[in-house]
Amino acid sequence: AMFDYEGKEENDLSFKAGDKIEVLERGEGPNDWWVGRLYERIGEFPGEWV
C-alpha cells in the first residue's frame, strides 16, 4: 500500500502504508474498488491507494 486507508464500511479493508495486500479482484480502472486480503481479513479498498 502506498498510503494509509481507514475503511468507512464494514466490508472495507483498512491498511497502513507499506502493508502488502494480496489482490484477489482488480477493478477495470485506477479509480475502481478492488478486493484484497490482509492478515486473514478480506475486503474492498480503492485501487488507487496501492
N, C-alpha and C. Protein backbone atom coordinates (compact mmCIF):
# COMPACT_ATOMS: atom_id res chain seq x y z
N ALA A 1 0.84 -1.18 0.00
CA ALA A 1 0.00 0.00 0.00
C ALA A 1 0.88 1.25 0.00
N MET A 2 0.46 2.24 -0.76
CA MET A 2 1.22 3.49 -0.82
C MET A 2 0.80 4.48 0.27
N PHE A 3 -0.43 4.34 0.76
CA PHE A 3 -0.98 5.27 1.75
C PHE A 3 -1.77 4.50 2.81
N ASP A 4 -2.01 5.13 3.95
CA ASP A 4 -2.93 4.58 4.94
C ASP A 4 -4.35 4.71 4.40
N TYR A 5 -5.19 3.73 4.70
CA TYR A 5 -6.60 3.81 4.34
C TYR A 5 -7.43 3.26 5.48
N GLU A 6 -8.35 4.07 5.99
CA GLU A 6 -9.25 3.66 7.05
C GLU A 6 -10.63 3.47 6.43
N GLY A 7 -11.08 2.22 6.37
CA GLY A 7 -12.36 1.90 5.76
C GLY A 7 -13.53 2.55 6.48
N LYS A 8 -14.55 2.89 5.71
CA LYS A 8 -15.75 3.52 6.26
C LYS A 8 -16.89 2.52 6.45
N GLU A 9 -16.92 1.49 5.62
CA GLU A 9 -17.99 0.49 5.66
C GLU A 9 -17.45 -0.82 6.25
N GLU A 10 -18.35 -1.68 6.69
CA GLU A 10 -17.96 -2.95 7.32
C GLU A 10 -17.14 -3.84 6.39
N ASN A 11 -17.42 -3.79 5.08
CA ASN A 11 -16.71 -4.67 4.14
C ASN A 11 -15.47 -4.02 3.54
N ASP A 12 -15.09 -2.83 4.03
CA ASP A 12 -13.86 -2.18 3.55
C ASP A 12 -12.65 -2.81 4.22
N LEU A 13 -11.54 -2.79 3.52
CA LEU A 13 -10.27 -3.30 4.05
C LEU A 13 -9.40 -2.11 4.46
N SER A 14 -9.16 -1.94 5.73
CA SER A 14 -8.28 -0.88 6.22
C SER A 14 -6.84 -1.37 6.20
N PHE A 15 -5.90 -0.43 5.95
CA PHE A 15 -4.49 -0.81 5.92
C PHE A 15 -3.62 0.41 6.15
N LYS A 16 -2.34 0.15 6.37
CA LYS A 16 -1.33 1.19 6.57
C LYS A 16 -0.36 1.20 5.40
N ALA A 17 0.24 2.36 5.14
CA ALA A 17 1.25 2.46 4.09
C ALA A 17 2.34 1.42 4.35
N GLY A 18 2.71 0.70 3.32
CA GLY A 18 3.73 -0.33 3.43
C GLY A 18 3.17 -1.74 3.61
N ASP A 19 1.88 -1.85 3.97
CA ASP A 19 1.27 -3.18 4.07
C ASP A 19 1.26 -3.86 2.71
N LYS A 20 1.44 -5.15 2.70
CA LYS A 20 1.40 -5.93 1.46
C LYS A 20 0.04 -6.63 1.38
N ILE A 21 -0.77 -6.17 0.45
CA ILE A 21 -2.13 -6.67 0.28
C ILE A 21 -2.15 -7.67 -0.86
N GLU A 22 -2.72 -8.83 -0.63
CA GLU A 22 -2.92 -9.80 -1.70
C GLU A 22 -4.18 -9.39 -2.46
N VAL A 23 -4.01 -8.99 -3.73
CA VAL A 23 -5.14 -8.56 -4.54
C VAL A 23 -5.86 -9.79 -5.07
N LEU A 24 -7.15 -9.88 -4.76
CA LEU A 24 -7.97 -11.01 -5.19
C LEU A 24 -8.81 -10.67 -6.41
N GLU A 25 -9.20 -9.41 -6.52
CA GLU A 25 -10.02 -8.97 -7.65
C GLU A 25 -9.68 -7.52 -7.95
N ARG A 26 -9.32 -7.27 -9.20
CA ARG A 26 -8.87 -5.95 -9.62
C ARG A 26 -9.96 -5.28 -10.45
N GLY A 27 -10.22 -4.00 -10.19
CA GLY A 27 -11.19 -3.25 -10.97
C GLY A 27 -10.65 -2.93 -12.36
N GLU A 28 -11.51 -2.42 -13.20
CA GLU A 28 -11.15 -2.09 -14.59
C GLU A 28 -10.19 -0.90 -14.67
N GLY A 29 -10.41 0.11 -13.85
CA GLY A 29 -9.60 1.32 -13.91
C GLY A 29 -8.99 1.66 -12.57
N PRO A 30 -8.12 2.67 -12.53
CA PRO A 30 -7.42 3.02 -11.30
C PRO A 30 -8.34 3.59 -10.22
N ASN A 31 -9.51 4.10 -10.60
CA ASN A 31 -10.43 4.67 -9.60
C ASN A 31 -11.45 3.66 -9.10
N ASP A 32 -11.38 2.42 -9.57
CA ASP A 32 -12.30 1.37 -9.15
C ASP A 32 -11.89 0.80 -7.79
N TRP A 33 -12.85 0.13 -7.16
CA TRP A 33 -12.58 -0.56 -5.91
C TRP A 33 -12.09 -1.97 -6.22
N TRP A 34 -11.11 -2.41 -5.46
CA TRP A 34 -10.53 -3.74 -5.60
C TRP A 34 -10.89 -4.56 -4.37
N VAL A 35 -10.68 -5.86 -4.47
CA VAL A 35 -10.89 -6.76 -3.33
C VAL A 35 -9.53 -7.39 -3.00
N GLY A 36 -9.20 -7.41 -1.72
CA GLY A 36 -7.92 -7.97 -1.33
C GLY A 36 -7.96 -8.57 0.06
N ARG A 37 -6.83 -9.21 0.41
CA ARG A 37 -6.68 -9.87 1.72
C ARG A 37 -5.46 -9.29 2.41
N LEU A 38 -5.65 -9.03 3.70
CA LEU A 38 -4.56 -8.56 4.55
C LEU A 38 -4.73 -9.20 5.92
N TYR A 39 -3.76 -10.01 6.34
CA TYR A 39 -3.81 -10.68 7.65
C TYR A 39 -5.14 -11.40 7.86
N GLU A 40 -5.53 -12.25 6.93
CA GLU A 40 -6.73 -13.08 7.03
C GLU A 40 -8.04 -12.31 6.90
N ARG A 41 -7.98 -11.01 6.74
CA ARG A 41 -9.20 -10.20 6.52
C ARG A 41 -9.32 -9.91 5.04
N ILE A 42 -10.52 -10.10 4.49
CA ILE A 42 -10.81 -9.82 3.09
C ILE A 42 -11.77 -8.65 3.02
N GLY A 43 -11.51 -7.70 2.12
CA GLY A 43 -12.39 -6.56 1.99
C GLY A 43 -12.09 -5.75 0.75
N GLU A 44 -12.89 -4.71 0.56
CA GLU A 44 -12.74 -3.83 -0.60
C GLU A 44 -11.92 -2.61 -0.22
N PHE A 45 -11.24 -2.05 -1.21
CA PHE A 45 -10.42 -0.85 -0.98
C PHE A 45 -10.24 -0.13 -2.31
N PRO A 46 -9.94 1.17 -2.28
CA PRO A 46 -9.73 1.91 -3.52
C PRO A 46 -8.40 1.49 -4.16
N GLY A 47 -8.48 1.02 -5.41
CA GLY A 47 -7.29 0.53 -6.10
C GLY A 47 -6.18 1.55 -6.25
N GLU A 48 -6.54 2.83 -6.30
CA GLU A 48 -5.53 3.87 -6.49
C GLU A 48 -4.63 4.07 -5.28
N TRP A 49 -4.95 3.42 -4.16
CA TRP A 49 -4.16 3.57 -2.94
C TRP A 49 -3.04 2.54 -2.83
N VAL A 50 -2.99 1.59 -3.77
CA VAL A 50 -1.95 0.56 -3.70
C VAL A 50 -1.10 0.54 -4.96
